[in-house]
Amino acid sequence: MEYAILFMVLFLSAIFLKSKKQIDQVNKLNNLLFIKKEPGSYVKALDRILERKQSPKNIMINVLQKTTGLFYMGRFDEVISILTNDLTNVPKNWEPIYYQNLILSLYFKGETKKADENMNKAKSMLEEFKDNNYYKEMIEIVYAVSDYHKGKKTKDYFQELSKNGANDYRKSMGCYFLGLIFKSENNKGESVAQFNLAAEYGRGSFIEGLSRGNVK
């Protein structure tokens, strides 16, 4: 009986330590990307993680997270290539992130037709997850960017995102599209103000460069 209890204690301790290690890893990665705003360092950190021996599922998850960093670096070709050629059998609960990175990369790369095709392909899955608090905002962003490219300029949504986005990079996305909308309305003052905010919130990402390019 004593050995059984000891085994159970050791087993539970191992699970706890493993979970704590995973949580610490996620927090460090999020700090690099969203607080320090260093997508390049985030990608390098994931490359180091991918050098370790791990399960196929963990490799898939880490590669998928890497594409998030590559997306914010503006390396859209790499994101598209990895997601369409290298990743297969993505677990259902990771599909929202998979399609977020793929669809947004296609839109920002200017491949609107392919982005729309993937949007249609992913729509039933996005609808399934849209009320999940973890995925809700990222799915709303994908829909809003898709609508923008279809001529539906959802100014109210981007204004909300620019103020209340879950992190600065999402806020920068809201400001950037507001800048584009105001620019199309010939409202130079508001457009420049939003692009400047987008550049500040999006520091270190491709959005900073795009935004600064729009105020020259």
N, C-alpha and C. Protein backbone atom coordinates (compact mmCIF):
# COMPACT_ATOMS: atom_id res chain seq x y z
N MET A 1 0.82 -1.20 0.00
CA MET A 1 0.00 0.00 0.00
C MET A 1 0.86 1.26 0.00
N GLU A 2 1.92 1.23 0.84
CA GLU A 2 2.81 2.39 0.93
C GLU A 2 3.48 2.65 -0.41
N TYR A 3 3.90 1.56 -1.10
CA TYR A 3 4.55 1.73 -2.41
C TYR A 3 3.58 2.31 -3.44
N ALA A 4 2.32 1.89 -3.35
CA ALA A 4 1.31 2.40 -4.28
C ALA A 4 1.10 3.89 -4.07
N ILE A 5 1.05 4.31 -2.81
CA ILE A 5 0.87 5.74 -2.50
C ILE A 5 2.08 6.54 -2.98
N LEU A 6 3.29 5.98 -2.72
CA LEU A 6 4.52 6.66 -3.16
C LEU A 6 4.54 6.81 -4.68
N PHE A 7 4.15 5.75 -5.38
CA PHE A 7 4.11 5.78 -6.84
C PHE A 7 3.14 6.85 -7.32
N MET A 8 1.97 6.92 -6.69
CA MET A 8 0.96 7.90 -7.08
C MET A 8 1.46 9.32 -6.84
N VAL A 9 2.11 9.54 -5.70
CA VAL A 9 2.66 10.87 -5.40
C VAL A 9 3.69 11.27 -6.44
N LEU A 10 4.60 10.35 -6.78
CA LEU A 10 5.64 10.63 -7.78
C LEU A 10 5.01 10.89 -9.16
N PHE A 11 4.00 10.09 -9.47
CA PHE A 11 3.31 10.23 -10.77
C PHE A 11 2.64 11.60 -10.88
N LEU A 12 1.90 11.98 -9.84
CA LEU A 12 1.22 13.28 -9.85
C LEU A 12 2.21 14.44 -9.85
N SER A 13 3.34 14.25 -9.14
CA SER A 13 4.37 15.30 -9.11
C SER A 13 4.97 15.50 -10.50
N ALA A 14 5.19 14.39 -11.20
CA ALA A 14 5.74 14.47 -12.56
C ALA A 14 4.78 15.21 -13.49
N ILE A 15 3.49 14.91 -13.36
CA ILE A 15 2.48 15.59 -14.18
C ILE A 15 2.47 17.08 -13.87
N PHE A 16 2.52 17.42 -12.57
CA PHE A 16 2.51 18.83 -12.15
C PHE A 16 3.72 19.58 -12.71
N LEU A 17 4.91 18.97 -12.58
CA LEU A 17 6.12 19.62 -13.06
C LEU A 17 6.11 19.80 -14.57
N LYS A 18 5.58 18.80 -15.28
CA LYS A 18 5.48 18.89 -16.73
C LYS A 18 4.53 20.01 -17.13
N SER A 19 3.39 20.08 -16.45
CA SER A 19 2.40 21.13 -16.75
C SER A 19 2.97 22.51 -16.46
N LYS A 20 3.68 22.63 -15.33
CA LYS A 20 4.27 23.91 -14.96
C LYS A 20 5.31 24.34 -15.99
N LYS A 21 6.10 23.38 -16.46
CA LYS A 21 7.11 23.67 -17.47
C LYS A 21 6.47 24.16 -18.76
N GLN A 22 5.37 23.51 -19.15
CA GLN A 22 4.66 23.92 -20.37
C GLN A 22 4.06 25.31 -20.23
N ILE A 23 3.48 25.59 -19.05
CA ILE A 23 2.89 26.92 -18.80
C ILE A 23 3.98 27.99 -18.82
N ASP A 24 5.11 27.70 -18.18
CA ASP A 24 6.23 28.65 -18.18
C ASP A 24 6.72 28.92 -19.59
N GLN A 25 6.77 27.87 -20.42
CA GLN A 25 7.22 28.02 -21.80
C GLN A 25 6.27 28.92 -22.58
N VAL A 26 4.98 28.69 -22.42
CA VAL A 26 3.97 29.51 -23.12
C VAL A 26 4.07 30.96 -22.68
N ASN A 27 4.23 31.19 -21.37
CA ASN A 27 4.33 32.56 -20.86
C ASN A 27 5.57 33.28 -21.39
N LYS A 28 6.69 32.56 -21.48
CA LYS A 28 7.92 33.16 -22.01
C LYS A 28 7.76 33.51 -23.48
N LEU A 29 7.13 32.62 -24.24
CA LEU A 29 6.91 32.88 -25.66
C LEU A 29 5.97 34.06 -25.86
N ASN A 30 4.88 34.10 -25.10
CA ASN A 30 3.94 35.21 -25.22
C ASN A 30 4.59 36.54 -24.84
N ASN A 31 5.47 36.48 -23.85
CA ASN A 31 6.18 37.70 -23.43
C ASN A 31 7.07 38.22 -24.55
N LEU A 32 7.74 37.31 -25.25
CA LEU A 32 8.60 37.72 -26.37
C LEU A 32 7.80 38.36 -27.49
N LEU A 33 6.65 37.76 -27.81
CA LEU A 33 5.88 38.21 -28.97
C LEU A 33 5.02 39.43 -28.67
N PHE A 34 4.28 39.39 -27.57
CA PHE A 34 3.27 40.41 -27.34
C PHE A 34 3.67 41.51 -26.36
N ILE A 35 4.65 41.26 -25.52
CA ILE A 35 5.10 42.28 -24.56
C ILE A 35 6.38 42.96 -25.06
N LYS A 36 7.40 42.14 -25.31
CA LYS A 36 8.65 42.70 -25.84
C LYS A 36 8.54 43.07 -27.31
N LYS A 37 7.56 42.49 -27.99
CA LYS A 37 7.30 42.74 -29.41
C LYS A 37 8.53 42.40 -30.25
N GLU A 38 8.97 41.16 -30.07
CA GLU A 38 10.13 40.66 -30.81
C GLU A 38 9.76 39.36 -31.52
N PRO A 39 9.00 39.44 -32.62
CA PRO A 39 8.60 38.21 -33.31
C PRO A 39 9.78 37.38 -33.80
N GLY A 40 10.89 38.03 -34.14
CA GLY A 40 12.08 37.30 -34.57
C GLY A 40 12.64 36.45 -33.45
N SER A 41 12.69 37.00 -32.24
CA SER A 41 13.17 36.24 -31.08
C SER A 41 12.21 35.12 -30.73
N TYR A 42 10.93 35.37 -30.93
CA TYR A 42 9.89 34.35 -30.70
C TYR A 42 10.10 33.16 -31.63
N VAL A 43 10.36 33.44 -32.89
CA VAL A 43 10.59 32.37 -33.87
C VAL A 43 11.86 31.60 -33.53
N LYS A 44 12.93 32.31 -33.15
CA LYS A 44 14.18 31.64 -32.79
C LYS A 44 14.00 30.75 -31.57
N ALA A 45 13.20 31.22 -30.60
CA ALA A 45 12.94 30.42 -29.40
C ALA A 45 12.22 29.13 -29.76
N LEU A 46 11.27 29.23 -30.69
CA LEU A 46 10.55 28.03 -31.12
C LEU A 46 11.45 27.10 -31.93
N ASP A 47 12.36 27.66 -32.70
CA ASP A 47 13.32 26.82 -33.43
C ASP A 47 14.17 26.00 -32.45
N ARG A 48 14.55 26.63 -31.34
CA ARG A 48 15.34 25.91 -30.32
C ARG A 48 14.49 24.80 -29.69
N ILE A 49 13.23 25.10 -29.43
CA ILE A 49 12.33 24.10 -28.87
C ILE A 49 12.15 22.93 -29.84
N LEU A 50 12.04 23.25 -31.13
CA LEU A 50 11.83 22.21 -32.14
C LEU A 50 13.05 21.31 -32.34
N GLU A 51 14.20 21.75 -31.85
CA GLU A 51 15.40 20.91 -31.93
C GLU A 51 15.36 19.78 -30.90
N ARG A 52 14.51 19.91 -29.89
CA ARG A 52 14.41 18.89 -28.85
C ARG A 52 13.57 17.71 -29.34
N LYS A 53 13.81 16.57 -28.74
CA LYS A 53 12.99 15.39 -29.03
C LYS A 53 11.62 15.59 -28.39
N GLN A 54 10.56 15.40 -29.17
CA GLN A 54 9.21 15.58 -28.67
C GLN A 54 8.22 14.79 -29.51
N SER A 55 7.00 14.71 -29.02
CA SER A 55 5.97 13.93 -29.72
C SER A 55 5.57 14.63 -31.02
N PRO A 56 5.04 13.88 -31.99
CA PRO A 56 4.57 14.48 -33.25
C PRO A 56 3.54 15.59 -33.01
N LYS A 57 2.67 15.39 -32.01
CA LYS A 57 1.66 16.42 -31.71
C LYS A 57 2.31 17.71 -31.24
N ASN A 58 3.31 17.59 -30.36
CA ASN A 58 3.99 18.79 -29.86
C ASN A 58 4.79 19.48 -30.97
N ILE A 59 5.35 18.70 -31.87
CA ILE A 59 6.05 19.29 -33.01
C ILE A 59 5.07 20.11 -33.83
N MET A 60 3.90 19.55 -34.10
CA MET A 60 2.88 20.24 -34.88
C MET A 60 2.47 21.54 -34.20
N ILE A 61 2.24 21.48 -32.89
CA ILE A 61 1.82 22.68 -32.14
C ILE A 61 2.90 23.75 -32.18
N ASN A 62 4.15 23.35 -31.99
CA ASN A 62 5.24 24.33 -31.99
C ASN A 62 5.49 24.92 -33.37
N VAL A 63 5.33 24.12 -34.42
CA VAL A 63 5.46 24.64 -35.78
C VAL A 63 4.33 25.63 -36.06
N LEU A 64 3.13 25.29 -35.62
CA LEU A 64 1.98 26.18 -35.82
C LEU A 64 2.20 27.50 -35.09
N GLN A 65 2.72 27.44 -33.86
CA GLN A 65 3.02 28.67 -33.13
C GLN A 65 4.11 29.47 -33.84
N LYS A 66 5.07 28.76 -34.42
CA LYS A 66 6.12 29.45 -35.16
C LYS A 66 5.55 30.26 -36.31
N THR A 67 4.51 29.74 -36.98
CA THR A 67 3.92 30.48 -38.10
C THR A 67 3.26 31.78 -37.63
N THR A 68 2.84 31.81 -36.36
CA THR A 68 2.30 33.07 -35.82
C THR A 68 3.40 34.13 -35.78
N GLY A 69 4.59 33.73 -35.31
CA GLY A 69 5.72 34.66 -35.29
C GLY A 69 6.12 35.08 -36.69
N LEU A 70 6.18 34.12 -37.61
CA LEU A 70 6.54 34.43 -38.99
C LEU A 70 5.52 35.39 -39.62
N PHE A 71 4.24 35.19 -39.28
CA PHE A 71 3.20 36.10 -39.78
C PHE A 71 3.48 37.52 -39.34
N TYR A 72 3.73 37.73 -38.05
CA TYR A 72 3.97 39.08 -37.56
C TYR A 72 5.29 39.66 -38.07
N MET A 73 6.20 38.79 -38.51
CA MET A 73 7.43 39.27 -39.16
C MET A 73 7.17 39.69 -40.61
N GLY A 74 5.99 39.33 -41.12
CA GLY A 74 5.67 39.64 -42.51
C GLY A 74 6.21 38.62 -43.50
N ARG A 75 6.58 37.46 -43.00
CA ARG A 75 7.14 36.40 -43.86
C ARG A 75 5.99 35.48 -44.32
N PHE A 76 5.10 36.08 -45.10
CA PHE A 76 3.85 35.41 -45.47
C PHE A 76 4.08 34.16 -46.34
N ASP A 77 5.06 34.23 -47.24
CA ASP A 77 5.34 33.07 -48.10
C ASP A 77 5.69 31.85 -47.27
N GLU A 78 6.50 32.05 -46.22
CA GLU A 78 6.91 30.94 -45.37
C GLU A 78 5.72 30.38 -44.59
N VAL A 79 4.88 31.28 -44.09
CA VAL A 79 3.69 30.84 -43.37
C VAL A 79 2.81 29.97 -44.26
N ILE A 80 2.55 30.47 -45.46
CA ILE A 80 1.68 29.75 -46.40
C ILE A 80 2.29 28.40 -46.77
N SER A 81 3.59 28.38 -47.04
CA SER A 81 4.27 27.15 -47.41
C SER A 81 4.21 26.12 -46.29
N ILE A 82 4.51 26.53 -45.07
CA ILE A 82 4.50 25.61 -43.93
C ILE A 82 3.10 25.05 -43.70
N LEU A 83 2.11 25.92 -43.74
CA LEU A 83 0.75 25.50 -43.41
C LEU A 83 0.13 24.62 -44.50
N THR A 84 0.49 24.88 -45.74
CA THR A 84 -0.12 24.10 -46.83
C THR A 84 0.69 22.86 -47.21
N ASN A 85 1.98 22.87 -46.91
CA ASN A 85 2.84 21.75 -47.34
C ASN A 85 3.36 20.87 -46.20
N ASP A 86 3.58 21.46 -45.04
CA ASP A 86 4.26 20.74 -43.97
C ASP A 86 3.33 20.23 -42.87
N LEU A 87 2.24 20.93 -42.62
CA LEU A 87 1.36 20.54 -41.53
C LEU A 87 0.16 19.76 -42.05
N THR A 88 -0.03 18.57 -41.52
CA THR A 88 -1.19 17.76 -41.88
C THR A 88 -1.83 17.24 -40.61
N ASN A 89 -3.11 16.92 -40.71
CA ASN A 89 -3.84 16.37 -39.57
C ASN A 89 -3.76 17.26 -38.33
N VAL A 90 -4.03 18.54 -38.52
CA VAL A 90 -4.04 19.48 -37.40
C VAL A 90 -5.25 19.15 -36.51
N PRO A 91 -5.03 18.97 -35.21
CA PRO A 91 -6.16 18.69 -34.31
C PRO A 91 -7.23 19.76 -34.40
N LYS A 92 -8.47 19.36 -34.22
CA LYS A 92 -9.61 20.26 -34.38
C LYS A 92 -9.46 21.55 -33.59
N ASN A 93 -9.01 21.43 -32.34
CA ASN A 93 -8.94 22.62 -31.49
C ASN A 93 -7.81 23.57 -31.87
N TRP A 94 -6.95 23.16 -32.82
CA TRP A 94 -5.90 24.05 -33.31
C TRP A 94 -6.23 24.63 -34.69
N GLU A 95 -7.33 24.18 -35.27
CA GLU A 95 -7.69 24.66 -36.61
C GLU A 95 -7.97 26.16 -36.68
N PRO A 96 -8.58 26.79 -35.66
CA PRO A 96 -8.78 28.23 -35.75
C PRO A 96 -7.46 29.00 -35.91
N ILE A 97 -6.41 28.57 -35.21
CA ILE A 97 -5.11 29.24 -35.33
C ILE A 97 -4.50 28.94 -36.69
N TYR A 98 -4.63 27.70 -37.14
CA TYR A 98 -4.12 27.31 -38.46
C TYR A 98 -4.73 28.21 -39.54
N TYR A 99 -6.05 28.33 -39.55
CA TYR A 99 -6.70 29.11 -40.61
C TYR A 99 -6.53 30.61 -40.41
N GLN A 100 -6.43 31.06 -39.16
CA GLN A 100 -6.14 32.47 -38.94
C GLN A 100 -4.83 32.86 -39.62
N ASN A 101 -3.78 32.10 -39.35
CA ASN A 101 -2.47 32.42 -39.90
C ASN A 101 -2.44 32.28 -41.42
N LEU A 102 -3.11 31.24 -41.94
CA LEU A 102 -3.12 31.03 -43.39
C LEU A 102 -3.92 32.11 -44.11
N ILE A 103 -5.14 32.35 -43.66
CA ILE A 103 -6.03 33.30 -44.34
C ILE A 103 -5.48 34.73 -44.28
N LEU A 104 -5.03 35.14 -43.10
CA LEU A 104 -4.49 36.51 -42.98
C LEU A 104 -3.22 36.68 -43.80
N SER A 105 -2.38 35.65 -43.83
CA SER A 105 -1.15 35.73 -44.64
C SER A 105 -1.50 35.87 -46.12
N LEU A 106 -2.50 35.14 -46.58
CA LEU A 106 -2.91 35.23 -47.98
C LEU A 106 -3.48 36.62 -48.30
N TYR A 107 -4.29 37.16 -47.40
CA TYR A 107 -4.84 38.51 -47.64
C TYR A 107 -3.73 39.56 -47.68
N PHE A 108 -2.83 39.51 -46.71
CA PHE A 108 -1.77 40.53 -46.67
C PHE A 108 -0.77 40.34 -47.81
N LYS A 109 -0.65 39.14 -48.32
CA LYS A 109 0.23 38.90 -49.46
C LYS A 109 -0.42 39.34 -50.77
N GLY A 110 -1.73 39.61 -50.71
CA GLY A 110 -2.44 40.05 -51.90
C GLY A 110 -3.08 38.91 -52.68
N GLU A 111 -3.07 37.72 -52.13
CA GLU A 111 -3.69 36.57 -52.80
C GLU A 111 -5.13 36.43 -52.31
N THR A 112 -5.94 37.40 -52.69
CA THR A 112 -7.31 37.50 -52.19
C THR A 112 -8.16 36.31 -52.58
N LYS A 113 -8.02 35.84 -53.82
CA LYS A 113 -8.83 34.71 -54.28
C LYS A 113 -8.57 33.47 -53.44
N LYS A 114 -7.29 33.16 -53.19
CA LYS A 114 -6.95 31.98 -52.38
C LYS A 114 -7.40 32.17 -50.93
N ALA A 115 -7.31 33.42 -50.45
CA ALA A 115 -7.77 33.70 -49.09
C ALA A 115 -9.27 33.45 -48.99
N ASP A 116 -10.02 33.92 -49.98
CA ASP A 116 -11.47 33.71 -49.99
C ASP A 116 -11.81 32.22 -50.07
N GLU A 117 -11.04 31.47 -50.86
CA GLU A 117 -11.28 30.03 -50.99
C GLU A 117 -11.08 29.32 -49.65
N ASN A 118 -10.02 29.70 -48.94
CA ASN A 118 -9.76 29.09 -47.63
C ASN A 118 -10.78 29.56 -46.60
N MET A 119 -11.26 30.79 -46.76
CA MET A 119 -12.30 31.31 -45.88
C MET A 119 -13.57 30.46 -46.02
N ASN A 120 -13.93 30.17 -47.24
CA ASN A 120 -15.10 29.33 -47.48
C ASN A 120 -14.91 27.92 -46.94
N LYS A 121 -13.69 27.41 -47.11
CA LYS A 121 -13.37 26.06 -46.62
C LYS A 121 -13.45 25.99 -45.10
N ALA A 122 -13.04 27.06 -44.44
CA ALA A 122 -12.95 27.06 -42.98
C ALA A 122 -14.22 27.55 -42.29
N LYS A 123 -15.18 28.05 -43.05
CA LYS A 123 -16.32 28.75 -42.46
C LYS A 123 -17.08 27.92 -41.44
N SER A 124 -17.39 26.66 -41.75
CA SER A 124 -18.16 25.84 -40.81
C SER A 124 -17.39 25.64 -39.51
N MET A 125 -16.07 25.47 -39.61
CA MET A 125 -15.24 25.31 -38.41
C MET A 125 -15.21 26.61 -37.61
N LEU A 126 -15.06 27.75 -38.29
CA LEU A 126 -15.02 29.04 -37.61
C LEU A 126 -16.34 29.30 -36.88
N GLU A 127 -17.44 28.95 -37.52
CA GLU A 127 -18.74 29.11 -36.88
C GLU A 127 -18.85 28.25 -35.63
N GLU A 128 -18.26 27.08 -35.69
CA GLU A 128 -18.30 26.17 -34.54
C GLU A 128 -17.55 26.73 -33.34
N PHE A 129 -16.46 27.46 -33.60
CA PHE A 129 -15.61 27.95 -32.51
C PHE A 129 -15.84 29.43 -32.17
N LYS A 130 -16.69 30.13 -32.91
CA LYS A 130 -16.77 31.59 -32.78
C LYS A 130 -17.25 32.08 -31.41
N ASP A 131 -17.96 31.22 -30.66
CA ASP A 131 -18.44 31.63 -29.33
C ASP A 131 -17.52 31.14 -28.21
N ASN A 132 -16.44 30.45 -28.59
CA ASN A 132 -15.45 30.02 -27.61
C ASN A 132 -14.59 31.23 -27.23
N ASN A 133 -14.53 31.56 -25.95
CA ASN A 133 -13.84 32.78 -25.52
C ASN A 133 -12.39 32.85 -25.95
N TYR A 134 -11.73 31.69 -26.01
CA TYR A 134 -10.31 31.68 -26.39
C TYR A 134 -10.13 32.05 -27.85
N TYR A 135 -11.04 31.60 -28.71
CA TYR A 135 -10.90 31.80 -30.15
C TYR A 135 -11.72 32.98 -30.68
N LYS A 136 -12.65 33.48 -29.90
CA LYS A 136 -13.63 34.45 -30.37
C LYS A 136 -13.01 35.64 -31.10
N GLU A 137 -12.05 36.31 -30.47
CA GLU A 137 -11.48 37.51 -31.06
C GLU A 137 -10.70 37.21 -32.34
N MET A 138 -9.91 36.15 -32.34
CA MET A 138 -9.13 35.85 -33.54
C MET A 138 -10.04 35.52 -34.72
N ILE A 139 -11.15 34.84 -34.45
CA ILE A 139 -12.09 34.52 -35.52
C ILE A 139 -12.78 35.79 -36.01
N GLU A 140 -13.14 36.68 -35.10
CA GLU A 140 -13.75 37.95 -35.50
C GLU A 140 -12.81 38.76 -36.39
N ILE A 141 -11.52 38.73 -36.07
CA ILE A 141 -10.54 39.45 -36.87
C ILE A 141 -10.48 38.88 -38.29
N VAL A 142 -10.47 37.56 -38.39
CA VAL A 142 -10.44 36.91 -39.71
C VAL A 142 -11.66 37.31 -40.53
N TYR A 143 -12.83 37.28 -39.91
CA TYR A 143 -14.06 37.69 -40.61
C TYR A 143 -13.99 39.16 -41.03
N ALA A 144 -13.51 40.03 -40.14
CA ALA A 144 -13.47 41.47 -40.43
C ALA A 144 -12.51 41.78 -41.57
N VAL A 145 -11.34 41.13 -41.57
CA VAL A 145 -10.37 41.35 -42.65
C VAL A 145 -10.93 40.82 -43.97
N SER A 146 -11.60 39.67 -43.91
CA SER A 146 -12.22 39.11 -45.10
C SER A 146 -13.30 40.06 -45.63
N ASP A 147 -14.13 40.58 -44.74
CA ASP A 147 -15.18 41.53 -45.15
C ASP A 147 -14.58 42.77 -45.77
N TYR A 148 -13.48 43.26 -45.18
CA TYR A 148 -12.83 44.46 -45.73
C TYR A 148 -12.42 44.24 -47.17
N HIS A 149 -11.84 43.09 -47.45
CA HIS A 149 -11.38 42.80 -48.82
C HIS A 149 -12.53 42.52 -49.78
N LYS A 150 -13.72 42.35 -49.22
CA LYS A 150 -14.91 42.19 -50.06
C LYS A 150 -15.68 43.50 -50.18
N GLY A 151 -15.08 44.57 -49.67
CA GLY A 151 -15.70 45.89 -49.79
C GLY A 151 -16.61 46.27 -48.64
N LYS A 152 -16.70 45.40 -47.62
CA LYS A 152 -17.53 45.71 -46.44
C LYS A 152 -16.64 46.31 -45.37
N LYS A 153 -16.62 47.61 -45.26
CA LYS A 153 -15.69 48.28 -44.36
C LYS A 153 -16.32 48.46 -42.98
N THR A 154 -16.08 47.47 -42.12
CA THR A 154 -16.69 47.43 -40.80
C THR A 154 -15.92 48.33 -39.83
N LYS A 155 -16.15 49.63 -39.98
CA LYS A 155 -15.42 50.61 -39.18
C LYS A 155 -15.67 50.41 -37.68
N ASP A 156 -16.91 50.16 -37.30
CA ASP A 156 -17.24 50.01 -35.88
C ASP A 156 -16.44 48.87 -35.24
N TYR A 157 -16.32 47.76 -35.98
CA TYR A 157 -15.58 46.63 -35.41
C TYR A 157 -14.11 46.98 -35.22
N PHE A 158 -13.50 47.60 -36.22
CA PHE A 158 -12.07 47.93 -36.11
C PHE A 158 -11.83 48.98 -35.02
N GLN A 159 -12.80 49.88 -34.81
CA GLN A 159 -12.66 50.84 -33.72
C GLN A 159 -12.67 50.13 -32.38
N GLU A 160 -13.56 49.16 -32.23
CA GLU A 160 -13.61 48.37 -31.00
C GLU A 160 -12.32 47.59 -30.80
N LEU A 161 -11.83 46.96 -31.87
CA LEU A 161 -10.59 46.18 -31.78
C LEU A 161 -9.41 47.07 -31.42
N SER A 162 -9.35 48.26 -31.98
CA SER A 162 -8.23 49.16 -31.74
C SER A 162 -8.13 49.60 -30.28
N LYS A 163 -9.26 49.57 -29.59
CA LYS A 163 -9.28 50.00 -28.18
C LYS A 163 -9.22 48.83 -27.21
N ASN A 164 -9.86 47.73 -27.57
CA ASN A 164 -10.02 46.64 -26.61
C ASN A 164 -9.45 45.30 -27.05
N GLY A 165 -8.59 45.30 -28.07
CA GLY A 165 -7.97 44.06 -28.51
C GLY A 165 -7.20 43.39 -27.38
N ALA A 166 -7.11 42.08 -27.42
CA ALA A 166 -6.50 41.33 -26.32
C ALA A 166 -5.01 41.61 -26.14
N ASN A 167 -4.33 42.07 -27.20
CA ASN A 167 -2.92 42.46 -27.10
C ASN A 167 -2.65 43.58 -28.08
N ASP A 168 -1.48 44.18 -27.96
CA ASP A 168 -1.16 45.35 -28.79
C ASP A 168 -1.15 45.02 -30.28
N TYR A 169 -0.73 43.82 -30.64
CA TYR A 169 -0.68 43.49 -32.06
C TYR A 169 -2.09 43.42 -32.65
N ARG A 170 -3.05 42.95 -31.88
CA ARG A 170 -4.43 42.96 -32.37
C ARG A 170 -4.97 44.39 -32.42
N LYS A 171 -4.62 45.20 -31.43
CA LYS A 171 -5.02 46.61 -31.48
C LYS A 171 -4.43 47.29 -32.71
N SER A 172 -3.19 46.95 -33.03
CA SER A 172 -2.54 47.55 -34.20
C SER A 172 -3.28 47.17 -35.48
N MET A 173 -3.81 45.96 -35.53
CA MET A 173 -4.59 45.52 -36.68
C MET A 173 -5.83 46.39 -36.84
N GLY A 174 -6.50 46.66 -35.71
CA GLY A 174 -7.68 47.53 -35.75
C GLY A 174 -7.33 48.92 -36.22
N CYS A 175 -6.26 49.49 -35.69
CA CYS A 175 -5.84 50.84 -36.08
C CYS A 175 -5.44 50.90 -37.56
N TYR A 176 -4.74 49.87 -38.02
CA TYR A 176 -4.28 49.85 -39.40
C TYR A 176 -5.46 49.87 -40.38
N PHE A 177 -6.46 49.03 -40.13
CA PHE A 177 -7.60 49.01 -41.04
C PHE A 177 -8.45 50.26 -40.90
N LEU A 178 -8.51 50.84 -39.71
CA LEU A 178 -9.17 52.13 -39.57
C LEU A 178 -8.46 53.18 -40.42
N GLY A 179 -7.12 53.14 -40.40
CA GLY A 179 -6.34 54.07 -41.22
C GLY A 179 -6.67 53.94 -42.68
N LEU A 180 -6.78 52.68 -43.14
CA LEU A 180 -7.12 52.45 -44.55
C LEU A 180 -8.52 52.96 -44.88
N ILE A 181 -9.45 52.73 -43.96
CA ILE A 181 -10.83 53.17 -44.20
C ILE A 181 -10.91 54.69 -44.24
N PHE A 182 -10.29 55.36 -43.26
CA PHE A 182 -10.29 56.83 -43.26
C PHE A 182 -9.58 57.38 -44.50
N LYS A 183 -8.52 56.70 -44.92
CA LYS A 183 -7.80 57.12 -46.12
C LYS A 183 -8.71 57.05 -47.35
N SER A 184 -9.52 55.99 -47.44
CA SER A 184 -10.44 55.85 -48.58
C SER A 184 -11.54 56.91 -48.54
N GLU A 185 -11.78 57.47 -47.35
CA GLU A 185 -12.78 58.52 -47.19
C GLU A 185 -12.17 59.92 -47.32
N ASN A 186 -10.86 59.95 -47.67
CA ASN A 186 -10.12 61.21 -47.80
C ASN A 186 -10.07 62.01 -46.50
N ASN A 187 -10.12 61.30 -45.37
CA ASN A 187 -9.99 61.93 -44.07
C ASN A 187 -8.54 61.76 -43.62
N LYS A 188 -7.69 62.66 -44.10
CA LYS A 188 -6.26 62.52 -43.88
C LYS A 188 -5.87 62.58 -42.41
N GLY A 189 -6.49 63.50 -41.67
CA GLY A 189 -6.13 63.66 -40.26
C GLY A 189 -6.36 62.39 -39.45
N GLU A 190 -7.56 61.81 -39.59
CA GLU A 190 -7.88 60.58 -38.86
C GLU A 190 -7.04 59.40 -39.37
N SER A 191 -6.82 59.39 -40.68
CA SER A 191 -6.04 58.31 -41.28
C SER A 191 -4.62 58.29 -40.72
N VAL A 192 -3.97 59.44 -40.72
CA VAL A 192 -2.59 59.53 -40.21
C VAL A 192 -2.54 59.18 -38.72
N ALA A 193 -3.53 59.65 -37.97
CA ALA A 193 -3.57 59.36 -36.53
C ALA A 193 -3.66 57.86 -36.28
N GLN A 194 -4.49 57.17 -37.05
CA GLN A 194 -4.65 55.73 -36.87
C GLN A 194 -3.42 54.96 -37.32
N PHE A 195 -2.80 55.40 -38.41
CA PHE A 195 -1.57 54.72 -38.86
C PHE A 195 -0.45 54.89 -37.84
N ASN A 196 -0.38 56.07 -37.22
CA ASN A 196 0.64 56.29 -36.19
C ASN A 196 0.40 55.39 -34.98
N LEU A 197 -0.87 55.25 -34.60
CA LEU A 197 -1.20 54.35 -33.49
C LEU A 197 -0.88 52.89 -33.86
N ALA A 198 -1.21 52.53 -35.10
CA ALA A 198 -0.94 51.17 -35.57
C ALA A 198 0.56 50.88 -35.53
N ALA A 199 1.36 51.85 -35.92
CA ALA A 199 2.82 51.67 -35.91
C ALA A 199 3.34 51.49 -34.49
N GLU A 200 2.76 52.24 -33.55
CA GLU A 200 3.20 52.15 -32.17
C GLU A 200 2.77 50.83 -31.54
N TYR A 201 1.50 50.49 -31.68
CA TYR A 201 1.03 49.22 -31.14
C TYR A 201 1.72 48.03 -31.82
N GLY A 202 1.98 48.19 -33.11
CA GLY A 202 2.54 47.08 -33.89
C GLY A 202 4.05 47.09 -33.99
N ARG A 203 4.70 47.79 -33.06
CA ARG A 203 6.16 47.89 -33.09
C ARG A 203 6.80 46.51 -33.21
N GLY A 204 7.75 46.38 -34.14
CA GLY A 204 8.46 45.12 -34.33
C GLY A 204 7.80 44.19 -35.33
N SER A 205 6.57 44.52 -35.74
CA SER A 205 5.85 43.66 -36.67
C SER A 205 5.77 44.31 -38.05
N PHE A 206 5.28 43.54 -39.03
CA PHE A 206 5.12 44.08 -40.38
C PHE A 206 4.11 45.22 -40.41
N ILE A 207 3.19 45.25 -39.44
CA ILE A 207 2.17 46.30 -39.41
C ILE A 207 2.82 47.66 -39.17
N GLU A 208 3.90 47.68 -38.39
CA GLU A 208 4.61 48.94 -38.16
C GLU A 208 5.11 49.49 -39.49
N GLY A 209 5.75 48.65 -40.30
CA GLY A 209 6.27 49.11 -41.58
C GLY A 209 5.17 49.56 -42.53
N LEU A 210 4.10 48.78 -42.61
CA LEU A 210 2.99 49.16 -43.49
C LEU A 210 2.39 50.50 -43.07
N SER A 211 2.23 50.67 -41.77
CA SER A 211 1.60 51.88 -41.25
C SER A 211 2.47 53.11 -41.48
N ARG A 212 3.77 52.99 -41.21
CA ARG A 212 4.67 54.13 -41.44
C ARG A 212 4.73 54.46 -42.92
N GLY A 213 4.63 53.45 -43.77
CA GLY A 213 4.63 53.70 -45.21
C GLY A 213 3.43 54.48 -45.66
N ASN A 214 2.34 54.39 -44.93
CA ASN A 214 1.11 55.09 -45.31
C ASN A 214 1.04 56.53 -44.84
N VAL A 215 2.00 56.96 -44.02
CA VAL A 215 1.98 58.35 -43.55
C VAL A 215 3.11 59.16 -44.16
N LYS A 216 3.85 58.58 -45.09
CA LYS A 216 4.93 59.33 -45.73
C LYS A 216 4.35 60.27 -46.79
